[in-house]
Amino acid sequence: MTPEPDSTPEPIREPKRVQALLRRLIEARSLINLWHPNGQEGHLSTIVGLKPVSGIYLDAPPASVIDLYRPGDALQVRSQLDGTEVRFRTRLQLHSRYDSYPALLCEWPDEVHHYERRMAFRVRMTGGQADVTLELEDAGERHRARLVDLSVGGFGALIGPEAQLSPGEVLDCLLDLQGQQLVVKAAVQSFDDLPETRFWRLGARFTELEPVQERRLSKLVLELERQSIQHSRGL
């Protein structure tokens, strides 16, 4: 496994991915720090319910401070999931109730920032371990490539120059990993000539992942990490 460059991840904006991440916070019963715009110390709360793409319910702060929260206030939410920070901004719509308990109904966040720990590592493929088939979404042309590393955030692959890819281009990808197939979309981040070889190095980032695709991909990465460790130990 090798570290990827240390950078701030792009925020999650796709509604289905935002919903999946918020639901994970609920299932993990993660505490959140709710920061009021007046800059005072945050109050502990939890996300207790979702109205997908329209609102989220937060457990109401203590009665002693609840009057500080007024409809229209901009709020910042911070939490932890799997040991990494989750944060987003929202706006209080109204004081409400959820399952008969006092709650704050807030706007659905436009974006959520989350750095997934496993995205910090890419698993390097060993010879013949895996292939990735790429299909350009716009032209319908299929290009066979050799996967060289993989993370839950994206992949690197070797591909022939005939592909003529450009950064920002979105690809339909069929990942065939040891007989397990996963169809995903990925955006080209880099396409660089490798001197003295007949290949180009493709770097791509997964986009529009459905929750079930994320789970399958995470399992594949974990399994490949395990195999990589065993291989390095000669097992």
Foldseek 3Di string as FASTA:
>chain_A
DDFDDDDFDDWDQPQQVLVVVLVQQQVVVWWKFKAFVVGDGTFIWGFPADDRQFWTKIQQGDPVCNVVADFFTKIKIWTDDPRWIKIFIWTFHDFDADPNGTITIIGRTRTMGIDDPQQRDKQFDDPPQWWKKKAFPPPRDTWTWRWGIDTLFWTKTKGAPVVVDDAQGKIFMWTQGVNDTDTFIWGWHDWADDPPDRIIMTIITTPPDRPVSSVVRNVVRVVSVVVSVCVVVVD
